[in-house]
Amino acid sequence: MWVVRAGAAVAVRPHLWLTAVRQVFVLARPGWWRRAPFLPRPDAAYLRFRLQTMYGGHDGPDSVAAPRAADVITYLEWCRSWPAVSGTK
């Protein structure tokens, strides 16, 4: 469900569309096109690790909180601004 909320938050921010699409492919597990369901999704273990480091494990090491849409927008804004801040293009 968090994906729908995050997608809706991005949908109303056209300046983040390209960044969001780019990040989907940057975070996708290698060789995603060779394995069903043929979607550019991040590795589940990587995503679990990133969410635990952001939100903590509330009910044990295997429980993960869902990201908030505002956090996804903040992350995409950071990704969008990184080349200008870092001096890379």
C-alpha atoms as a PDB file:
ATOM      1  CA  MET A   1       0.000   0.000   0.000  1.00  0.00           C
ATOM      2  CA  TRP A   2       2.890   2.377   0.683  1.00  0.00           C
ATOM      3  CA  VAL A   3       3.900   2.125  -2.973  1.00  0.00           C
ATOM      4  CA  VAL A   4       0.513   3.516  -4.026  1.00  0.00           C
ATOM      5  CA  ARG A   5       0.780   6.429  -1.568  1.00  0.00           C
ATOM      6  CA  ALA A   6       4.349   7.174  -2.637  1.00  0.00           C
ATOM      7  CA  GLY A   7       3.365   6.916  -6.322  1.00  0.00           C
ATOM      8  CA  ALA A   8       0.511   9.357  -5.794  1.00  0.00           C
ATOM      9  CA  ALA A   9       2.859  11.781  -4.027  1.00  0.00           C
ATOM     10  CA  VAL A  10       5.317  11.587  -6.939  1.00  0.00           C
ATOM     11  CA  ALA A  11       2.546  11.859  -9.551  1.00  0.00           C
ATOM     12  CA  VAL A  12       1.700  15.403  -8.454  1.00  0.00           C
ATOM     13  CA  ARG A  13       5.375  16.458  -8.679  1.00  0.00           C
ATOM     14  CA  PRO A  14       6.363  16.345 -12.366  1.00  0.00           C
ATOM     15  CA  HIS A  15       9.862  17.622 -11.586  1.00  0.00           C
ATOM     16  CA  LEU A  16      10.510  14.282  -9.808  1.00  0.00           C
ATOM     17  CA  TRP A  17       9.192  11.928 -12.491  1.00  0.00           C
ATOM     18  CA  LEU A  18      12.500  11.405 -14.274  1.00  0.00           C
ATOM     19  CA  THR A  19      14.351  11.041 -10.980  1.00  0.00           C
ATOM     20  CA  ALA A  20      11.829   8.455  -9.757  1.00  0.00           C
ATOM     21  CA  VAL A  21      12.139   6.390 -12.935  1.00  0.00           C
ATOM     22  CA  ARG A  22      15.933   6.615 -12.783  1.00  0.00           C
ATOM     23  CA  GLN A  23      15.967   5.456  -9.146  1.00  0.00           C
ATOM     24  CA  VAL A  24      13.715   2.506  -9.915  1.00  0.00           C
ATOM     25  CA  PHE A  25      16.370   1.213 -12.303  1.00  0.00           C
ATOM     26  CA  VAL A  26      19.328   2.198 -10.110  1.00  0.00           C
ATOM     27  CA  LEU A  27      17.886   0.241  -7.181  1.00  0.00           C
ATOM     28  CA  ALA A  28      16.660  -2.732  -9.247  1.00  0.00           C
ATOM     29  CA  ARG A  29      18.443  -5.984  -8.589  1.00  0.00           C
ATOM     30  CA  PRO A  30      20.933  -6.937 -11.292  1.00  0.00           C
ATOM     31  CA  GLY A  31      19.471  -9.017 -14.113  1.00  0.00           C
ATOM     32  CA  TRP A  32      15.881  -8.239 -13.123  1.00  0.00           C
ATOM     33  CA  TRP A  33      14.734  -8.720 -16.737  1.00  0.00           C
ATOM     34  CA  ARG A  34      15.782 -12.404 -16.662  1.00  0.00           C
ATOM     35  CA  ARG A  35      13.646 -13.461 -13.693  1.00  0.00           C
ATOM     36  CA  ALA A  36       9.894 -13.441 -13.204  1.00  0.00           C
ATOM     37  CA  PRO A  37       8.008 -11.236 -12.473  1.00  0.00           C
ATOM     38  CA  PHE A  38      10.251  -9.193 -14.862  1.00  0.00           C
ATOM     39  CA  LEU A  39       9.897  -5.976 -12.857  1.00  0.00           C
ATOM     40  CA  PRO A  40      12.769  -3.686 -11.833  1.00  0.00           C
ATOM     41  CA  ARG A  41      12.381  -4.247  -8.077  1.00  0.00           C
ATOM     42  CA  PRO A  42      15.137  -3.915  -5.502  1.00  0.00           C
ATOM     43  CA  ASP A  43      16.447  -7.041  -3.832  1.00  0.00           C
ATOM     44  CA  ALA A  44      14.170  -7.852  -0.874  1.00  0.00           C
ATOM     45  CA  ALA A  45      17.096  -8.192   1.564  1.00  0.00           C
ATOM     46  CA  TYR A  46      18.522  -4.832   0.475  1.00  0.00           C
ATOM     47  CA  LEU A  47      15.151  -3.116   0.822  1.00  0.00           C
ATOM     48  CA  ARG A  48      14.594  -4.687   4.260  1.00  0.00           C
ATOM     49  CA  PHE A  49      18.061  -3.497   5.369  1.00  0.00           C
ATOM     50  CA  ARG A  50      17.464   0.050   4.129  1.00  0.00           C
ATOM     51  CA  LEU A  51      14.047   0.266   5.803  1.00  0.00           C
ATOM     52  CA  GLN A  52      15.404  -1.129   9.081  1.00  0.00           C
ATOM     53  CA  THR A  53      18.211   1.420   9.112  1.00  0.00           C
ATOM     54  CA  MET A  54      15.683   4.192   8.448  1.00  0.00           C
ATOM     55  CA  TYR A  55      12.812   3.144  10.722  1.00  0.00           C
ATOM     56  CA  GLY A  56      14.245   0.409  12.957  1.00  0.00           C
ATOM     57  CA  GLY A  57      12.868  -3.073  13.565  1.00  0.00           C
ATOM     58  CA  HIS A  58       9.768  -2.400  15.646  1.00  0.00           C
ATOM     59  CA  ASP A  59       8.752  -5.982  16.390  1.00  0.00           C
ATOM     60  CA  GLY A  60      12.018  -7.821  15.908  1.00  0.00           C
ATOM     61  CA  PRO A  61      14.796  -8.111  13.347  1.00  0.00           C
ATOM     62  CA  ASP A  62      12.508  -9.272  10.537  1.00  0.00           C
ATOM     63  CA  SER A  63       9.808  -6.628  10.938  1.00  0.00           C
ATOM     64  CA  VAL A  64      10.068  -3.533   8.800  1.00  0.00           C
ATOM     65  CA  ALA A  65       8.052  -0.340   8.816  1.00  0.00           C
ATOM     66  CA  ALA A  66       6.677   0.912   5.521  1.00  0.00           C
ATOM     67  CA  PRO A  67       8.219   4.151   4.256  1.00  0.00           C
ATOM     68  CA  ARG A  68       6.130   7.278   4.443  1.00  0.00           C
ATOM     69  CA  ALA A  69       5.325   9.071   1.179  1.00  0.00           C
ATOM     70  CA  ALA A  70       6.978  12.242   2.499  1.00  0.00           C
ATOM     71  CA  ASP A  71      10.201  10.290   3.081  1.00  0.00           C
ATOM     72  CA  VAL A  72      10.130   8.973  -0.487  1.00  0.00           C
ATOM     73  CA  ILE A  73       9.697  12.537  -1.789  1.00  0.00           C
ATOM     74  CA  THR A  74      12.583  13.747   0.384  1.00  0.00           C
ATOM     75  CA  TYR A  75      14.782  10.918  -0.923  1.00  0.00           C
ATOM     76  CA  LEU A  76      13.918  11.733  -4.543  1.00  0.00           C
ATOM     77  CA  GLU A  77      14.571  15.441  -3.974  1.00  0.00           C
ATOM     78  CA  TRP A  78      17.983  14.502  -2.541  1.00  0.00           C
ATOM     79  CA  CYS A  79      18.714  12.222  -5.533  1.00  0.00           C
ATOM     80  CA  ARG A  80      17.699  15.003  -7.909  1.00  0.00           C
ATOM     81  CA  SER A  81      19.942  17.581  -6.239  1.00  0.00           C
ATOM     82  CA  TRP A  82      22.963  15.313  -5.676  1.00  0.00           C
ATOM     83  CA  PRO A  83      24.754  15.949  -9.011  1.00  0.00           C
ATOM     84  CA  ALA A  84      24.685  19.725  -8.466  1.00  0.00           C
ATOM     85  CA  VAL A  85      25.798  19.431  -4.839  1.00  0.00           C
ATOM     86  CA  SER A  86      28.552  16.903  -5.495  1.00  0.00           C
ATOM     87  CA  GLY A  87      29.891  18.598  -8.600  1.00  0.00           C
ATOM     88  CA  THR A  88      29.150  15.557 -10.798  1.00  0.00           C
ATOM     89  CA  LYS A  89      26.866  15.469 -13.803  1.00  0.00           C
END
